[in-house]
Amino acid sequence: MAKIESSQSAKIQLELHHRKAERAREVLKQDTIESQEPDNTKCCLSMDLQQVMFVPSLTQSDMFYLSQLSCYNLGVHIGDTNEAYMCMWHEEIAYHRANEIASCLLH
């Protein structure tokens, strides 16, 4: 009985998550449209830090003997002008903490 309730709870939570995500996309779309109006002072900016990429791409047996370099990629989209920028760096330059993200935005 508890397993059925748990499954139903998970379905409800997933449905709620999907509804929130859809609402967030609608708000972003509306804000982007408003920011492109001539007399508007709003600026719509969206960004996403991609999942860590490892270089070189290795099979499981190779990973035990070789170390991989972690690479980070930050995507920034400016809704007002419809421009997109990608900032990419690896762990030897910097990690992916708040200071590095802020430096990408400043740049």
C-alpha atoms as a PDB file:
ATOM      1  CA  MET A   1       0.000   0.000   0.000  1.00  0.00           C
ATOM      2  CA  ALA A   2       2.832   2.409   0.849  1.00  0.00           C
ATOM      3  CA  LYS A   3       4.479   1.723  -2.512  1.00  0.00           C
ATOM      4  CA  ILE A   4       1.304   2.749  -4.377  1.00  0.00           C
ATOM      5  CA  GLU A   5       1.028   5.958  -2.326  1.00  0.00           C
ATOM      6  CA  SER A   6       4.697   6.709  -2.967  1.00  0.00           C
ATOM      7  CA  SER A   7       4.224   6.195  -6.702  1.00  0.00           C
ATOM      8  CA  GLN A   8       1.173   8.469  -6.757  1.00  0.00           C
ATOM      9  CA  SER A   9       3.050  11.104  -4.765  1.00  0.00           C
ATOM     10  CA  ALA A  10       5.943  10.975  -7.230  1.00  0.00           C
ATOM     11  CA  LYS A  11       3.533  11.393 -10.167  1.00  0.00           C
ATOM     12  CA  ILE A  12       1.895  14.387  -8.493  1.00  0.00           C
ATOM     13  CA  GLN A  13       5.278  15.982  -7.773  1.00  0.00           C
ATOM     14  CA  LEU A  14       6.385  15.416 -11.377  1.00  0.00           C
ATOM     15  CA  GLU A  15       3.174  16.968 -12.715  1.00  0.00           C
ATOM     16  CA  LEU A  16       3.649  19.964 -10.398  1.00  0.00           C
ATOM     17  CA  HIS A  17       7.254  20.326 -11.586  1.00  0.00           C
ATOM     18  CA  HIS A  18       6.144  20.285 -15.242  1.00  0.00           C
ATOM     19  CA  ARG A  19       3.477  22.919 -14.583  1.00  0.00           C
ATOM     20  CA  LYS A  20       5.974  25.186 -12.804  1.00  0.00           C
ATOM     21  CA  ALA A  21       8.495  24.773 -15.636  1.00  0.00           C
ATOM     22  CA  GLU A  22       5.852  25.592 -18.253  1.00  0.00           C
ATOM     23  CA  ARG A  23       4.779  28.676 -16.300  1.00  0.00           C
ATOM     24  CA  ALA A  24       8.421  29.810 -16.020  1.00  0.00           C
ATOM     25  CA  ARG A  25       8.833  29.458 -19.805  1.00  0.00           C
ATOM     26  CA  GLU A  26       5.681  31.518 -20.370  1.00  0.00           C
ATOM     27  CA  VAL A  27       6.921  34.275 -18.034  1.00  0.00           C
ATOM     28  CA  LEU A  28      10.348  34.303 -19.727  1.00  0.00           C
ATOM     29  CA  LYS A  29       8.731  34.555 -23.158  1.00  0.00           C
ATOM     30  CA  GLN A  30       6.473  37.417 -22.037  1.00  0.00           C
ATOM     31  CA  ASP A  31       9.373  39.261 -20.356  1.00  0.00           C
ATOM     32  CA  THR A  32      11.476  38.887 -23.526  1.00  0.00           C
ATOM     33  CA  ILE A  33       8.685  40.355 -25.646  1.00  0.00           C
ATOM     34  CA  GLU A  34       8.223  43.258 -23.202  1.00  0.00           C
ATOM     35  CA  SER A  35      11.975  43.963 -23.071  1.00  0.00           C
ATOM     36  CA  GLN A  36      12.086  44.347 -26.864  1.00  0.00           C
ATOM     37  CA  GLU A  37       9.519  47.165 -26.862  1.00  0.00           C
ATOM     38  CA  PRO A  38      11.077  50.556 -27.774  1.00  0.00           C
ATOM     39  CA  ASP A  39      10.291  52.510 -24.579  1.00  0.00           C
ATOM     40  CA  ASN A  40      10.798  49.709 -22.079  1.00  0.00           C
ATOM     41  CA  THR A  41      13.533  49.871 -19.434  1.00  0.00           C
ATOM     42  CA  LYS A  42      13.429  46.112 -18.782  1.00  0.00           C
ATOM     43  CA  CYS A  43      16.321  43.862 -19.803  1.00  0.00           C
ATOM     44  CA  CYS A  44      15.645  40.146 -20.106  1.00  0.00           C
ATOM     45  CA  LEU A  45      18.713  37.978 -19.534  1.00  0.00           C
ATOM     46  CA  SER A  46      18.761  34.188 -19.235  1.00  0.00           C
ATOM     47  CA  MET A  47      21.745  31.992 -18.542  1.00  0.00           C
ATOM     48  CA  ASP A  48      22.595  28.366 -17.924  1.00  0.00           C
ATOM     49  CA  LEU A  49      25.720  26.615 -16.718  1.00  0.00           C
ATOM     50  CA  GLN A  50      26.049  23.396 -18.704  1.00  0.00           C
ATOM     51  CA  GLN A  51      26.814  20.101 -17.014  1.00  0.00           C
ATOM     52  CA  VAL A  52      30.553  19.570 -16.476  1.00  0.00           C
ATOM     53  CA  MET A  53      32.253  18.142 -19.568  1.00  0.00           C
ATOM     54  CA  PHE A  54      35.278  15.909 -19.199  1.00  0.00           C
ATOM     55  CA  VAL A  55      38.108  15.958 -21.726  1.00  0.00           C
ATOM     56  CA  PRO A  56      39.242  13.627 -23.190  1.00  0.00           C
ATOM     57  CA  SER A  57      36.213  11.370 -23.415  1.00  0.00           C
ATOM     58  CA  LEU A  58      37.310   8.014 -22.019  1.00  0.00           C
ATOM     59  CA  THR A  59      35.855   4.572 -21.487  1.00  0.00           C
ATOM     60  CA  GLN A  60      35.474   3.268 -17.942  1.00  0.00           C
ATOM     61  CA  SER A  61      38.589   1.112 -18.041  1.00  0.00           C
ATOM     62  CA  ASP A  62      40.743   4.040 -19.219  1.00  0.00           C
ATOM     63  CA  MET A  63      39.441   6.389 -16.502  1.00  0.00           C
ATOM     64  CA  PHE A  64      41.140   4.412 -13.771  1.00  0.00           C
ATOM     65  CA  TYR A  65      44.623   5.227 -15.106  1.00  0.00           C
ATOM     66  CA  LEU A  66      44.138   8.642 -16.701  1.00  0.00           C
ATOM     67  CA  SER A  67      42.875  11.877 -15.232  1.00  0.00           C
ATOM     68  CA  GLN A  68      40.402  14.014 -17.107  1.00  0.00           C
ATOM     69  CA  LEU A  69      40.168  17.773 -17.398  1.00  0.00           C
ATOM     70  CA  SER A  70      36.876  19.322 -16.272  1.00  0.00           C
ATOM     71  CA  CYS A  71      35.483  21.922 -18.682  1.00  0.00           C
ATOM     72  CA  TYR A  72      32.703  24.402 -17.936  1.00  0.00           C
ATOM     73  CA  ASN A  73      30.390  26.209 -20.341  1.00  0.00           C
ATOM     74  CA  LEU A  74      28.132  29.143 -19.450  1.00  0.00           C
ATOM     75  CA  GLY A  75      25.501  30.214 -21.960  1.00  0.00           C
ATOM     76  CA  VAL A  76      24.008  33.711 -21.756  1.00  0.00           C
ATOM     77  CA  HIS A  77      21.106  34.967 -23.882  1.00  0.00           C
ATOM     78  CA  ILE A  78      20.110  38.635 -24.010  1.00  0.00           C
ATOM     79  CA  GLY A  79      16.440  38.772 -24.896  1.00  0.00           C
ATOM     80  CA  ASP A  80      16.405  42.476 -25.835  1.00  0.00           C
ATOM     81  CA  THR A  81      18.770  42.047 -28.773  1.00  0.00           C
ATOM     82  CA  ASN A  82      18.372  38.279 -29.228  1.00  0.00           C
ATOM     83  CA  GLU A  83      22.139  37.804 -28.856  1.00  0.00           C
ATOM     84  CA  ALA A  84      23.729  34.728 -27.291  1.00  0.00           C
ATOM     85  CA  TYR A  85      27.188  34.290 -25.783  1.00  0.00           C
ATOM     86  CA  MET A  86      29.060  31.216 -24.611  1.00  0.00           C
ATOM     87  CA  CYS A  87      31.854  31.374 -22.047  1.00  0.00           C
ATOM     88  CA  MET A  88      33.958  28.228 -21.821  1.00  0.00           C
ATOM     89  CA  TRP A  89      36.907  27.474 -19.560  1.00  0.00           C
ATOM     90  CA  HIS A  90      38.628  24.502 -17.904  1.00  0.00           C
ATOM     91  CA  GLU A  91      39.594  23.753 -14.315  1.00  0.00           C
ATOM     92  CA  GLU A  92      43.219  24.828 -14.788  1.00  0.00           C
ATOM     93  CA  ILE A  93      41.984  28.383 -15.457  1.00  0.00           C
ATOM     94  CA  ALA A  94      39.263  28.485 -12.785  1.00  0.00           C
ATOM     95  CA  TYR A  95      36.487  26.431 -11.222  1.00  0.00           C
ATOM     96  CA  HIS A  96      32.753  27.097 -11.570  1.00  0.00           C
ATOM     97  CA  ARG A  97      32.072  29.169  -8.469  1.00  0.00           C
ATOM     98  CA  ALA A  98      30.136  32.427  -8.179  1.00  0.00           C
ATOM     99  CA  ASN A  99      33.204  34.605  -8.869  1.00  0.00           C
ATOM    100  CA  GLU A 100      33.907  32.886 -12.171  1.00  0.00           C
ATOM    101  CA  ILE A 101      30.256  33.186 -13.255  1.00  0.00           C
ATOM    102  CA  ALA A 102      30.272  36.887 -12.352  1.00  0.00           C
ATOM    103  CA  SER A 103      33.499  37.375 -14.324  1.00  0.00           C
ATOM    104  CA  CYS A 104      31.852  35.822 -17.399  1.00  0.00           C
ATOM    105  CA  LEU A 105      28.880  38.180 -17.065  1.00  0.00           C
ATOM    106  CA  LEU A 106      31.154  41.180 -16.600  1.00  0.00           C
ATOM    107  CA  HIS A 107      33.221  40.191 -19.640  1.00  0.00           C
END
